[in-house]
């Protein structure tokens, strides 16, 4: 616990500050794209950094720096209490995996990469929600969160399926270029609203 509180979380804060600084410097930079040769056959992951993603990366870095500093102080008084929840090292791993997947969500430029990052973020946040998993109410809340988040993920996936417009190209550039009827556009919007709204906590 002492190592997590005194070393790992402060290092996370340093990484957050570095991310915020790099994102701030890139706000006015030209759009950059990268294709990662990983994933399914003939379906690599596309990344895109533009001014909008840089702005949100700046917010992510700044917020995570503050949260990491708070977490380091929060865990120190608990070092001798033998907390019955998740082991501190595992909790620290889940927390930083959550932040990394959130950053990947902001950079994803295709449905495949986005959903991989989105599901990683949902799973890691589920384990963070259920840190005190020995308490029945927390286990119940975690199950409800897990269920709603994955129903929402299915809605997002269906929305992407509509937005590709029959081209079977799942990059966001291809989706922007697709021509949809008003009915299909409305269906995609409603599915996305439900999917992202479920993750944002609009329901329940």
N, C-alpha and C. Protein backbone atom coordinates (compact mmCIF):
# COMPACT_ATOMS: atom_id res chain seq x y z
N UNK A 1 0.82 -1.20 0.00
CA UNK A 1 0.00 0.00 0.00
C UNK A 1 0.86 1.26 0.00
N UNK A 2 1.94 1.24 0.79
CA UNK A 2 2.81 2.41 0.85
C UNK A 2 3.43 2.70 -0.51
N UNK A 3 3.81 1.64 -1.24
CA UNK A 3 4.43 1.83 -2.56
C UNK A 3 3.43 2.45 -3.53
N UNK A 4 2.17 1.97 -3.50
CA UNK A 4 1.14 2.54 -4.37
C UNK A 4 0.89 4.00 -4.05
N UNK A 5 0.77 4.31 -2.73
CA UNK A 5 0.43 5.67 -2.32
C UNK A 5 1.57 6.64 -2.53
N UNK A 6 2.79 6.19 -2.30
CA UNK A 6 3.93 7.10 -2.31
C UNK A 6 4.69 7.13 -3.63
N UNK A 7 4.44 6.12 -4.48
CA UNK A 7 5.21 6.05 -5.73
C UNK A 7 4.31 5.99 -6.97
N UNK A 8 3.39 5.01 -7.02
CA UNK A 8 2.64 4.77 -8.25
C UNK A 8 1.65 5.88 -8.56
N UNK A 9 0.87 6.30 -7.56
CA UNK A 9 -0.08 7.38 -7.81
C UNK A 9 0.63 8.71 -8.12
N UNK A 10 1.71 9.08 -7.39
CA UNK A 10 2.44 10.29 -7.80
C UNK A 10 3.01 10.21 -9.21
N UNK A 11 3.48 9.02 -9.62
CA UNK A 11 3.96 8.87 -10.99
C UNK A 11 2.80 9.06 -11.98
N UNK A 12 1.62 8.58 -11.60
CA UNK A 12 0.45 8.81 -12.44
C UNK A 12 0.14 10.29 -12.57
N UNK A 13 0.31 11.03 -11.48
CA UNK A 13 0.09 12.48 -11.53
C UNK A 13 1.09 13.15 -12.47
N UNK A 14 2.34 12.71 -12.43
CA UNK A 14 3.36 13.26 -13.33
C UNK A 14 2.99 12.98 -14.78
N UNK A 15 2.53 11.76 -15.06
CA UNK A 15 2.11 11.42 -16.43
C UNK A 15 0.92 12.27 -16.86
N UNK A 16 -0.01 12.53 -15.93
CA UNK A 16 -1.15 13.38 -16.24
C UNK A 16 -0.73 14.79 -16.60
N UNK A 17 0.21 15.35 -15.84
CA UNK A 17 0.72 16.69 -16.13
C UNK A 17 1.41 16.70 -17.49
N UNK A 18 2.20 15.66 -17.78
CA UNK A 18 2.89 15.58 -19.07
C UNK A 18 1.90 15.49 -20.22
N UNK A 19 0.84 14.67 -20.04
CA UNK A 19 -0.19 14.56 -21.08
C UNK A 19 -0.87 15.89 -21.31
N UNK A 20 -1.22 16.59 -20.23
CA UNK A 20 -1.88 17.88 -20.36
C UNK A 20 -0.98 18.88 -21.08
N UNK A 21 0.31 18.87 -20.77
CA UNK A 21 1.24 19.81 -21.39
C UNK A 21 1.39 19.53 -22.88
N UNK A 22 1.55 18.24 -23.24
CA UNK A 22 1.69 17.88 -24.66
C UNK A 22 0.41 18.22 -25.42
N UNK A 23 -0.75 17.93 -24.81
CA UNK A 23 -2.02 18.24 -25.47
C UNK A 23 -2.19 19.73 -25.66
N UNK A 24 -1.79 20.52 -24.66
CA UNK A 24 -1.92 21.98 -24.77
C UNK A 24 -1.05 22.51 -25.91
N UNK A 25 0.14 21.97 -26.05
CA UNK A 25 1.05 22.41 -27.11
C UNK A 25 0.57 22.00 -28.50
N UNK A 26 -0.25 20.95 -28.56
CA UNK A 26 -0.70 20.45 -29.86
C UNK A 26 -2.07 20.97 -30.27
N UNK A 27 -2.64 21.87 -29.47
CA UNK A 27 -3.97 22.39 -29.80
C UNK A 27 -4.02 23.04 -31.17
N UNK A 28 -2.97 23.76 -31.53
CA UNK A 28 -2.97 24.44 -32.82
C UNK A 28 -2.23 23.70 -33.90
N UNK A 29 -1.79 22.47 -33.62
CA UNK A 29 -1.01 21.69 -34.59
C UNK A 29 -1.94 21.06 -35.63
N UNK A 30 -1.40 20.76 -36.81
CA UNK A 30 -2.22 20.09 -37.84
C UNK A 30 -2.68 18.71 -37.36
N UNK A 31 -3.77 18.25 -37.96
CA UNK A 31 -4.29 16.93 -37.62
C UNK A 31 -3.29 15.84 -37.96
N UNK A 32 -3.14 14.88 -37.06
CA UNK A 32 -2.23 13.76 -37.28
C UNK A 32 -3.00 12.46 -37.26
N UNK A 33 -2.61 11.52 -38.13
CA UNK A 33 -3.25 10.21 -38.21
C UNK A 33 -2.19 9.11 -38.12
N UNK A 34 -2.63 7.98 -37.57
CA UNK A 34 -1.73 6.83 -37.43
C UNK A 34 -2.55 5.57 -37.57
N UNK A 35 -2.02 4.59 -38.30
CA UNK A 35 -2.66 3.28 -38.43
C UNK A 35 -1.80 2.27 -37.70
N UNK A 36 -2.40 1.60 -36.72
CA UNK A 36 -1.69 0.57 -35.97
C UNK A 36 -1.96 -0.79 -36.60
N UNK A 37 -0.91 -1.53 -36.99
CA UNK A 37 -1.11 -2.83 -37.65
C UNK A 37 -1.45 -3.92 -36.64
N UNK A 38 -2.43 -3.66 -35.79
CA UNK A 38 -2.86 -4.66 -34.81
C UNK A 38 -4.37 -4.75 -34.88
N UNK A 39 -4.89 -5.87 -34.41
CA UNK A 39 -6.34 -6.06 -34.44
C UNK A 39 -6.71 -7.26 -35.27
N UNK A 40 -7.90 -7.19 -35.88
CA UNK A 40 -8.38 -8.29 -36.69
C UNK A 40 -7.75 -8.23 -38.09
N UNK A 41 -7.75 -9.37 -38.83
CA UNK A 41 -7.21 -9.35 -40.20
C UNK A 41 -7.94 -8.32 -41.06
N UNK A 42 -7.19 -7.52 -41.76
CA UNK A 42 -7.72 -6.48 -42.65
C UNK A 42 -8.54 -5.43 -41.89
N UNK A 43 -8.36 -5.35 -40.58
CA UNK A 43 -9.09 -4.36 -39.80
C UNK A 43 -8.15 -3.75 -38.76
N UNK A 44 -7.19 -2.94 -39.22
CA UNK A 44 -6.26 -2.31 -38.27
C UNK A 44 -6.95 -1.20 -37.49
N UNK A 45 -6.28 -0.71 -36.48
CA UNK A 45 -6.81 0.38 -35.68
C UNK A 45 -6.30 1.71 -36.21
N UNK A 46 -7.21 2.64 -36.40
CA UNK A 46 -6.88 3.98 -36.88
C UNK A 46 -6.94 4.97 -35.71
N UNK A 47 -5.93 5.82 -35.62
CA UNK A 47 -5.89 6.85 -34.59
C UNK A 47 -5.86 8.22 -35.25
N UNK A 48 -6.42 9.21 -34.58
CA UNK A 48 -6.46 10.57 -35.11
C UNK A 48 -6.34 11.55 -33.95
N UNK A 49 -5.43 12.48 -34.08
CA UNK A 49 -5.32 13.55 -33.11
C UNK A 49 -5.56 14.87 -33.80
N UNK A 50 -6.59 15.58 -33.35
CA UNK A 50 -6.89 16.90 -33.90
C UNK A 50 -7.09 17.87 -32.74
N UNK A 51 -7.55 19.06 -33.03
CA UNK A 51 -7.69 20.06 -31.97
C UNK A 51 -8.70 19.63 -30.92
N UNK A 52 -9.80 19.00 -31.35
CA UNK A 52 -10.82 18.58 -30.39
C UNK A 52 -10.30 17.48 -29.46
N UNK A 53 -9.66 16.46 -30.04
CA UNK A 53 -9.12 15.40 -29.19
C UNK A 53 -8.01 15.93 -28.29
N UNK A 54 -7.22 16.90 -28.78
CA UNK A 54 -6.19 17.50 -27.93
C UNK A 54 -6.81 18.23 -26.74
N UNK A 55 -7.93 18.92 -26.98
CA UNK A 55 -8.61 19.61 -25.89
C UNK A 55 -9.06 18.63 -24.81
N UNK A 56 -9.65 17.53 -25.22
CA UNK A 56 -10.12 16.55 -24.24
C UNK A 56 -8.97 15.80 -23.59
N UNK A 57 -7.87 15.58 -24.32
CA UNK A 57 -6.69 15.00 -23.70
C UNK A 57 -6.10 15.94 -22.65
N UNK A 58 -6.16 17.24 -22.92
CA UNK A 58 -5.72 18.23 -21.94
C UNK A 58 -6.56 18.13 -20.67
N UNK A 59 -7.88 18.04 -20.83
CA UNK A 59 -8.77 17.90 -19.67
C UNK A 59 -8.52 16.58 -18.94
N UNK A 60 -8.31 15.51 -19.69
CA UNK A 60 -8.04 14.21 -19.07
C UNK A 60 -6.75 14.24 -18.27
N UNK A 61 -5.70 14.81 -18.86
CA UNK A 61 -4.42 14.88 -18.16
C UNK A 61 -4.50 15.72 -16.90
N UNK A 62 -5.15 16.87 -16.99
CA UNK A 62 -5.25 17.76 -15.83
C UNK A 62 -6.09 17.12 -14.72
N UNK A 63 -7.23 16.52 -15.10
CA UNK A 63 -8.08 15.88 -14.09
C UNK A 63 -7.38 14.69 -13.44
N UNK A 64 -6.73 13.86 -14.27
CA UNK A 64 -6.07 12.67 -13.72
C UNK A 64 -4.91 13.04 -12.80
N UNK A 65 -4.23 14.15 -13.09
CA UNK A 65 -3.15 14.59 -12.21
C UNK A 65 -3.69 14.94 -10.83
N UNK A 66 -4.79 15.70 -10.80
CA UNK A 66 -5.39 16.05 -9.52
C UNK A 66 -5.91 14.83 -8.77
N UNK A 67 -6.57 13.91 -9.49
CA UNK A 67 -7.12 12.72 -8.85
C UNK A 67 -6.00 11.83 -8.31
N UNK A 68 -4.91 11.71 -9.06
CA UNK A 68 -3.80 10.88 -8.61
C UNK A 68 -3.17 11.45 -7.35
N UNK A 69 -3.03 12.77 -7.28
CA UNK A 69 -2.49 13.39 -6.08
C UNK A 69 -3.42 13.15 -4.89
N UNK A 70 -4.73 13.28 -5.13
CA UNK A 70 -5.69 13.02 -4.06
C UNK A 70 -5.61 11.56 -3.61
N UNK A 71 -5.52 10.62 -4.57
CA UNK A 71 -5.47 9.21 -4.23
C UNK A 71 -4.23 8.88 -3.41
N UNK A 72 -3.11 9.50 -3.74
CA UNK A 72 -1.89 9.25 -2.97
C UNK A 72 -2.09 9.66 -1.51
N UNK A 73 -2.72 10.79 -1.27
CA UNK A 73 -2.98 11.23 0.10
C UNK A 73 -4.07 10.43 0.77
N UNK A 74 -5.05 9.99 -0.02
CA UNK A 74 -6.18 9.25 0.53
C UNK A 74 -5.76 7.90 1.08
N UNK A 75 -4.83 7.24 0.39
CA UNK A 75 -4.44 5.89 0.80
C UNK A 75 -3.46 5.88 1.97
N UNK A 76 -2.72 6.94 2.17
CA UNK A 76 -1.72 6.92 3.24
C UNK A 76 -2.31 6.67 4.62
N UNK A 77 -3.41 7.35 5.01
CA UNK A 77 -3.96 7.08 6.34
C UNK A 77 -4.53 5.67 6.50
N UNK A 78 -4.72 4.97 5.38
CA UNK A 78 -5.34 3.65 5.43
C UNK A 78 -4.31 2.53 5.42
N UNK A 79 -3.02 2.88 5.46
CA UNK A 79 -1.98 1.87 5.31
C UNK A 79 -2.03 0.80 6.39
N UNK A 80 -2.44 1.17 7.60
CA UNK A 80 -2.41 0.22 8.71
C UNK A 80 -3.77 -0.37 9.05
N UNK A 81 -4.77 -0.10 8.22
CA UNK A 81 -6.12 -0.52 8.58
C UNK A 81 -6.51 -1.87 8.00
N UNK A 82 -5.66 -2.41 7.11
CA UNK A 82 -5.96 -3.71 6.55
C UNK A 82 -7.28 -3.74 5.80
N UNK A 83 -7.49 -2.80 4.93
CA UNK A 83 -8.74 -2.68 4.19
C UNK A 83 -9.05 -3.99 3.46
N UNK A 84 -10.32 -4.40 3.49
CA UNK A 84 -10.71 -5.71 2.96
C UNK A 84 -11.06 -5.67 1.48
N UNK A 85 -10.85 -4.57 0.82
CA UNK A 85 -11.21 -4.46 -0.59
C UNK A 85 -10.10 -4.94 -1.50
N UNK A 86 -10.09 -4.38 -2.72
CA UNK A 86 -9.09 -4.75 -3.70
C UNK A 86 -7.69 -4.40 -3.21
N UNK A 87 -6.73 -5.27 -3.51
CA UNK A 87 -5.34 -5.00 -3.11
C UNK A 87 -4.88 -3.69 -3.74
N UNK A 88 -4.14 -2.86 -3.02
CA UNK A 88 -3.76 -1.53 -3.52
C UNK A 88 -3.02 -1.56 -4.86
N UNK A 89 -2.12 -2.52 -5.04
CA UNK A 89 -1.40 -2.60 -6.31
C UNK A 89 -2.33 -2.89 -7.47
N UNK A 90 -3.29 -3.79 -7.26
CA UNK A 90 -4.26 -4.12 -8.31
C UNK A 90 -5.18 -2.94 -8.58
N UNK A 91 -5.59 -2.25 -7.52
CA UNK A 91 -6.42 -1.06 -7.67
C UNK A 91 -5.69 0.01 -8.49
N UNK A 92 -4.41 0.19 -8.22
CA UNK A 92 -3.61 1.16 -8.96
C UNK A 92 -3.52 0.78 -10.44
N UNK A 93 -3.35 -0.52 -10.71
CA UNK A 93 -3.31 -0.99 -12.10
C UNK A 93 -4.64 -0.71 -12.80
N UNK A 94 -5.74 -1.02 -12.13
CA UNK A 94 -7.06 -0.79 -12.72
C UNK A 94 -7.29 0.69 -13.00
N UNK A 95 -6.87 1.53 -12.09
CA UNK A 95 -7.04 2.97 -12.24
C UNK A 95 -6.27 3.50 -13.44
N UNK A 96 -5.02 3.09 -13.58
CA UNK A 96 -4.21 3.59 -14.70
C UNK A 96 -4.64 2.96 -16.03
N UNK A 97 -5.13 1.72 -15.99
CA UNK A 97 -5.69 1.12 -17.21
C UNK A 97 -6.94 1.89 -17.64
N UNK A 98 -7.74 2.30 -16.67
CA UNK A 98 -8.93 3.11 -16.96
C UNK A 98 -8.54 4.41 -17.65
N UNK A 99 -7.52 5.10 -17.13
CA UNK A 99 -7.08 6.37 -17.72
C UNK A 99 -6.51 6.15 -19.12
N UNK A 100 -5.71 5.09 -19.30
CA UNK A 100 -5.11 4.82 -20.61
C UNK A 100 -6.19 4.51 -21.65
N UNK A 101 -7.18 3.70 -21.27
CA UNK A 101 -8.25 3.37 -22.21
C UNK A 101 -9.10 4.59 -22.54
N UNK A 102 -9.28 5.49 -21.56
CA UNK A 102 -10.01 6.72 -21.83
C UNK A 102 -9.26 7.58 -22.85
N UNK A 103 -7.95 7.65 -22.70
CA UNK A 103 -7.14 8.38 -23.68
C UNK A 103 -7.25 7.77 -25.07
N UNK A 104 -7.28 6.43 -25.12
CA UNK A 104 -7.39 5.75 -26.42
C UNK A 104 -8.74 6.01 -27.05
N UNK A 105 -9.80 6.10 -26.23
CA UNK A 105 -11.12 6.45 -26.76
C UNK A 105 -11.06 7.80 -27.48
N UNK A 106 -10.35 8.75 -26.90
CA UNK A 106 -10.28 10.09 -27.49
C UNK A 106 -9.49 10.10 -28.79
N UNK A 107 -8.61 9.14 -28.99
CA UNK A 107 -7.77 9.10 -30.19
C UNK A 107 -8.29 8.14 -31.25
N UNK A 108 -9.22 7.27 -30.89
CA UNK A 108 -9.71 6.26 -31.84
C UNK A 108 -10.37 6.93 -33.04
N UNK A 109 -10.10 6.39 -34.23
CA UNK A 109 -10.66 6.95 -35.46
C UNK A 109 -11.38 5.90 -36.28
N UNK A 110 -11.74 4.80 -35.65
CA UNK A 110 -12.59 3.81 -36.29
C UNK A 110 -13.41 3.09 -35.23
N UNK A 111 -14.45 2.41 -35.67
CA UNK A 111 -15.36 1.77 -34.72
C UNK A 111 -14.68 0.65 -33.96
N UNK A 112 -13.80 -0.09 -34.62
CA UNK A 112 -13.14 -1.22 -33.96
C UNK A 112 -12.25 -0.75 -32.81
N UNK A 113 -11.35 0.19 -33.10
CA UNK A 113 -10.47 0.70 -32.06
C UNK A 113 -11.25 1.38 -30.94
N UNK A 114 -12.31 2.10 -31.33
CA UNK A 114 -13.13 2.77 -30.33
C UNK A 114 -13.78 1.77 -29.39
N UNK A 115 -14.37 0.70 -29.93
CA UNK A 115 -15.07 -0.26 -29.08
C UNK A 115 -14.11 -1.04 -28.19
N UNK A 116 -12.91 -1.35 -28.69
CA UNK A 116 -11.92 -2.02 -27.84
C UNK A 116 -11.56 -1.13 -26.65
N UNK A 117 -11.30 0.15 -26.94
CA UNK A 117 -10.96 1.08 -25.87
C UNK A 117 -12.15 1.32 -24.94
N UNK A 118 -13.34 1.42 -25.52
CA UNK A 118 -14.56 1.68 -24.73
C UNK A 118 -14.83 0.53 -23.77
N UNK A 119 -14.72 -0.70 -24.26
CA UNK A 119 -14.97 -1.85 -23.41
C UNK A 119 -13.88 -2.01 -22.34
N UNK A 120 -12.65 -1.71 -22.70
CA UNK A 120 -11.58 -1.74 -21.69
C UNK A 120 -11.85 -0.72 -20.60
N UNK A 121 -12.30 0.46 -21.00
CA UNK A 121 -12.64 1.50 -20.03
C UNK A 121 -13.81 1.05 -19.15
N UNK A 122 -14.82 0.41 -19.75
CA UNK A 122 -15.98 -0.03 -18.98
C UNK A 122 -15.61 -1.12 -17.98
N UNK A 123 -14.79 -2.08 -18.42
CA UNK A 123 -14.40 -3.17 -17.52
C UNK A 123 -13.53 -2.68 -16.38
N UNK A 124 -12.57 -1.83 -16.69
CA UNK A 124 -11.69 -1.33 -15.62
C UNK A 124 -12.47 -0.45 -14.65
N UNK A 125 -13.41 0.34 -15.15
CA UNK A 125 -14.21 1.17 -14.24
C UNK A 125 -15.15 0.31 -13.40
N UNK A 126 -15.62 -0.82 -13.94
CA UNK A 126 -16.43 -1.74 -13.14
C UNK A 126 -15.64 -2.25 -11.93
N UNK A 127 -14.40 -2.64 -12.16
CA UNK A 127 -13.58 -3.13 -11.05
C UNK A 127 -13.27 -2.01 -10.06
N UNK A 128 -13.17 -0.78 -10.56
CA UNK A 128 -12.97 0.35 -9.64
C UNK A 128 -14.23 0.60 -8.81
N UNK A 129 -15.41 0.49 -9.45
CA UNK A 129 -16.66 0.68 -8.73
C UNK A 129 -16.81 -0.35 -7.61
N UNK A 130 -16.37 -1.57 -7.88
CA UNK A 130 -16.55 -2.67 -6.91
C UNK A 130 -15.28 -2.91 -6.10
N UNK A 131 -14.51 -1.87 -5.85
CA UNK A 131 -13.29 -2.04 -5.05
C UNK A 131 -13.60 -2.68 -3.70
N UNK A 132 -14.63 -2.20 -3.02
CA UNK A 132 -15.04 -2.78 -1.74
C UNK A 132 -16.05 -3.91 -2.00
N UNK A 133 -15.58 -4.94 -2.72
CA UNK A 133 -16.48 -5.97 -3.22
C UNK A 133 -17.04 -6.88 -2.14
N UNK A 134 -16.56 -6.79 -0.93
CA UNK A 134 -17.10 -7.61 0.15
C UNK A 134 -18.42 -7.06 0.70
N UNK A 135 -18.77 -5.84 0.31
CA UNK A 135 -20.02 -5.23 0.76
C UNK A 135 -21.11 -5.56 -0.26
N UNK A 136 -22.21 -6.22 0.16
CA UNK A 136 -23.24 -6.66 -0.80
C UNK A 136 -23.82 -5.52 -1.63
N UNK A 137 -24.05 -4.36 -1.02
CA UNK A 137 -24.64 -3.24 -1.76
C UNK A 137 -23.72 -2.77 -2.89
N UNK A 138 -22.42 -2.82 -2.66
CA UNK A 138 -21.47 -2.41 -3.69
C UNK A 138 -21.44 -3.44 -4.81
N UNK A 139 -21.50 -4.72 -4.47
CA UNK A 139 -21.55 -5.75 -5.52
C UNK A 139 -22.80 -5.57 -6.38
N UNK A 140 -23.92 -5.26 -5.73
CA UNK A 140 -25.17 -5.05 -6.47
C UNK A 140 -25.07 -3.83 -7.38
N UNK A 141 -24.53 -2.74 -6.84
CA UNK A 141 -24.36 -1.53 -7.66
C UNK A 141 -23.43 -1.80 -8.83
N UNK A 142 -22.37 -2.56 -8.59
CA UNK A 142 -21.43 -2.89 -9.66
C UNK A 142 -22.08 -3.71 -10.75
N UNK A 143 -22.94 -4.66 -10.37
CA UNK A 143 -23.63 -5.48 -11.37
C UNK A 143 -24.55 -4.62 -12.23
N UNK A 144 -25.29 -3.72 -11.59
CA UNK A 144 -26.19 -2.83 -12.35
C UNK A 144 -25.38 -1.96 -13.31
N UNK A 145 -24.27 -1.42 -12.84
CA UNK A 145 -23.41 -0.61 -13.70
C UNK A 145 -22.91 -1.44 -14.88
N UNK A 146 -22.43 -2.65 -14.59
CA UNK A 146 -21.88 -3.52 -15.64
C UNK A 146 -22.95 -3.83 -16.68
N UNK A 147 -24.16 -4.14 -16.22
CA UNK A 147 -25.25 -4.49 -17.14
C UNK A 147 -25.62 -3.31 -18.02
N UNK A 148 -25.83 -2.14 -17.41
CA UNK A 148 -26.25 -0.97 -18.18
C UNK A 148 -25.15 -0.54 -19.16
N UNK A 149 -23.90 -0.58 -18.70
CA UNK A 149 -22.79 -0.18 -19.57
C UNK A 149 -22.70 -1.06 -20.80
N UNK A 150 -22.95 -2.35 -20.65
CA UNK A 150 -22.81 -3.24 -21.80
C UNK A 150 -24.05 -3.25 -22.69
N UNK A 151 -25.21 -2.99 -22.13
CA UNK A 151 -26.37 -2.76 -22.99
C UNK A 151 -26.13 -1.50 -23.83
N UNK A 152 -25.57 -0.47 -23.18
CA UNK A 152 -25.22 0.74 -23.92
C UNK A 152 -24.19 0.49 -25.00
N UNK A 153 -23.21 -0.38 -24.70
CA UNK A 153 -22.17 -0.69 -25.70
C UNK A 153 -22.78 -1.37 -26.92
N UNK A 154 -23.77 -2.24 -26.71
CA UNK A 154 -24.46 -2.89 -27.83
C UNK A 154 -25.17 -1.83 -28.69
N UNK A 155 -25.80 -0.85 -28.03
CA UNK A 155 -26.47 0.22 -28.77
C UNK A 155 -25.48 1.03 -29.59
N UNK A 156 -24.31 1.33 -29.02
CA UNK A 156 -23.28 2.07 -29.76
C UNK A 156 -22.81 1.26 -30.96
N UNK A 157 -22.60 -0.04 -30.75
CA UNK A 157 -22.16 -0.89 -31.85
C UNK A 157 -23.19 -0.93 -32.97
N UNK A 158 -24.46 -1.01 -32.63
CA UNK A 158 -25.52 -0.98 -33.64
C UNK A 158 -25.55 0.38 -34.36
N UNK A 159 -25.31 1.44 -33.61
CA UNK A 159 -25.25 2.76 -34.23
C UNK A 159 -24.13 2.84 -35.26
N UNK A 160 -22.97 2.32 -34.91
CA UNK A 160 -21.85 2.28 -35.87
C UNK A 160 -22.23 1.44 -37.09
N UNK A 161 -22.96 0.32 -36.85
CA UNK A 161 -23.38 -0.52 -37.97
C UNK A 161 -24.26 0.22 -38.95
N UNK A 162 -25.11 1.11 -38.43
CA UNK A 162 -25.95 1.93 -39.31
C UNK A 162 -25.13 3.00 -40.01
N UNK A 163 -24.24 3.64 -39.26
CA UNK A 163 -23.49 4.77 -39.82
C UNK A 163 -22.55 4.38 -40.94
N UNK A 164 -22.13 3.11 -41.01
CA UNK A 164 -21.23 2.74 -42.12
C UNK A 164 -21.99 2.70 -43.45
N UNK A 165 -23.32 2.72 -43.41
CA UNK A 165 -24.12 2.93 -44.61
C UNK A 165 -23.98 1.88 -45.69
N UNK A 166 -23.62 0.66 -45.33
CA UNK A 166 -23.49 -0.40 -46.32
C UNK A 166 -22.13 -0.48 -46.98
N UNK A 167 -21.22 0.42 -46.64
CA UNK A 167 -19.88 0.38 -47.24
C UNK A 167 -18.99 -0.66 -46.58
N UNK A 168 -19.34 -1.07 -45.38
CA UNK A 168 -18.55 -1.99 -44.56
C UNK A 168 -17.15 -1.46 -44.29
N UNK A 169 -17.04 -0.14 -44.32
CA UNK A 169 -15.82 0.55 -43.91
C UNK A 169 -16.12 1.23 -42.57
N UNK A 170 -15.38 0.86 -41.55
CA UNK A 170 -15.73 1.30 -40.21
C UNK A 170 -14.84 2.41 -39.66
N UNK A 171 -14.09 3.07 -40.56
CA UNK A 171 -13.38 4.26 -40.11
C UNK A 171 -14.38 5.40 -39.97
N UNK A 172 -14.07 6.35 -39.11
CA UNK A 172 -14.99 7.47 -38.91
C UNK A 172 -15.06 8.35 -40.15
N UNK A 173 -13.98 8.43 -40.94
CA UNK A 173 -14.03 9.17 -42.20
C UNK A 173 -15.07 8.55 -43.14
N UNK A 174 -15.09 7.21 -43.22
CA UNK A 174 -16.06 6.53 -44.09
C UNK A 174 -17.48 6.76 -43.58
N UNK A 175 -17.65 6.77 -42.28
CA UNK A 175 -18.99 7.02 -41.73
C UNK A 175 -19.46 8.43 -42.02
N UNK A 176 -18.54 9.39 -41.93
CA UNK A 176 -18.92 10.78 -42.24
C UNK A 176 -19.32 10.94 -43.71
N UNK A 177 -18.72 10.13 -44.57
CA UNK A 177 -19.01 10.24 -46.00
C UNK A 177 -20.25 9.45 -46.42
N UNK A 178 -20.75 8.58 -45.55
CA UNK A 178 -21.91 7.74 -45.91
C UNK A 178 -23.17 8.58 -46.04
N UNK A 179 -24.01 8.20 -46.97
CA UNK A 179 -25.29 8.88 -47.19
C UNK A 179 -26.40 8.03 -46.60
N UNK A 180 -27.09 8.56 -45.59
CA UNK A 180 -28.15 7.82 -44.92
C UNK A 180 -29.49 8.53 -45.11
N UNK A 181 -30.55 7.75 -45.13
CA UNK A 181 -31.89 8.34 -45.18
C UNK A 181 -32.19 8.98 -43.83
N UNK A 182 -33.15 9.90 -43.79
CA UNK A 182 -33.51 10.52 -42.50
C UNK A 182 -33.90 9.50 -41.44
N UNK A 183 -34.59 8.43 -41.84
CA UNK A 183 -35.03 7.43 -40.86
C UNK A 183 -33.83 6.71 -40.25
N UNK A 184 -32.86 6.30 -41.09
CA UNK A 184 -31.69 5.61 -40.57
C UNK A 184 -30.80 6.56 -39.78
N UNK A 185 -30.74 7.81 -40.19
CA UNK A 185 -29.97 8.80 -39.41
C UNK A 185 -30.57 8.96 -38.02
N UNK A 186 -31.90 9.03 -37.95
CA UNK A 186 -32.56 9.16 -36.66
C UNK A 186 -32.33 7.92 -35.79
N UNK A 187 -32.36 6.74 -36.42
CA UNK A 187 -32.14 5.50 -35.67
C UNK A 187 -30.71 5.47 -35.10
N UNK A 188 -29.74 5.87 -35.92
CA UNK A 188 -28.35 5.89 -35.45
C UNK A 188 -28.19 6.88 -34.30
N UNK A 189 -28.83 8.04 -34.43
CA UNK A 189 -28.73 9.05 -33.37
C UNK A 189 -29.33 8.53 -32.07
N UNK A 190 -30.50 7.92 -32.13
CA UNK A 190 -31.18 7.45 -30.93
C UNK A 190 -30.39 6.32 -30.26
N UNK A 191 -29.83 5.43 -31.07
CA UNK A 191 -29.01 4.36 -30.50
C UNK A 191 -27.77 4.93 -29.82
N UNK A 192 -27.13 5.91 -30.47
CA UNK A 192 -25.95 6.54 -29.87
C UNK A 192 -26.32 7.30 -28.60
N UNK A 193 -27.46 7.99 -28.63
CA UNK A 193 -27.90 8.72 -27.44
C UNK A 193 -28.13 7.78 -26.27
N UNK A 194 -28.78 6.66 -26.53
CA UNK A 194 -29.01 5.68 -25.48
C UNK A 194 -27.70 5.07 -25.00
N UNK A 195 -26.84 4.67 -25.96
CA UNK A 195 -25.59 4.00 -25.61
C UNK A 195 -24.66 4.87 -24.79
N UNK A 196 -24.41 6.09 -25.27
CA UNK A 196 -23.52 6.99 -24.55
C UNK A 196 -24.19 7.52 -23.29
N UNK A 197 -25.51 7.71 -23.35
CA UNK A 197 -26.23 8.17 -22.17
C UNK A 197 -26.19 7.14 -21.05
N UNK A 198 -26.28 5.86 -21.39
CA UNK A 198 -26.20 4.81 -20.38
C UNK A 198 -24.85 4.84 -19.68
N UNK A 199 -23.77 5.01 -20.44
CA UNK A 199 -22.45 5.08 -19.84
C UNK A 199 -22.30 6.34 -19.01
N UNK A 200 -22.92 7.42 -19.42
CA UNK A 200 -22.82 8.68 -18.70
C UNK A 200 -23.68 8.72 -17.44
N UNK A 201 -24.52 7.70 -17.25
CA UNK A 201 -25.32 7.62 -16.03
C UNK A 201 -26.69 8.26 -16.14
N UNK A 202 -27.19 8.45 -17.38
CA UNK A 202 -28.54 9.00 -17.52
C UNK A 202 -29.60 8.04 -17.02
N UNK A 203 -29.29 6.74 -17.06
CA UNK A 203 -30.19 5.69 -16.57
C UNK A 203 -29.39 4.81 -15.62
N UNK A 204 -29.88 4.48 -14.43
CA UNK A 204 -31.18 4.91 -13.88
C UNK A 204 -31.07 6.30 -13.28
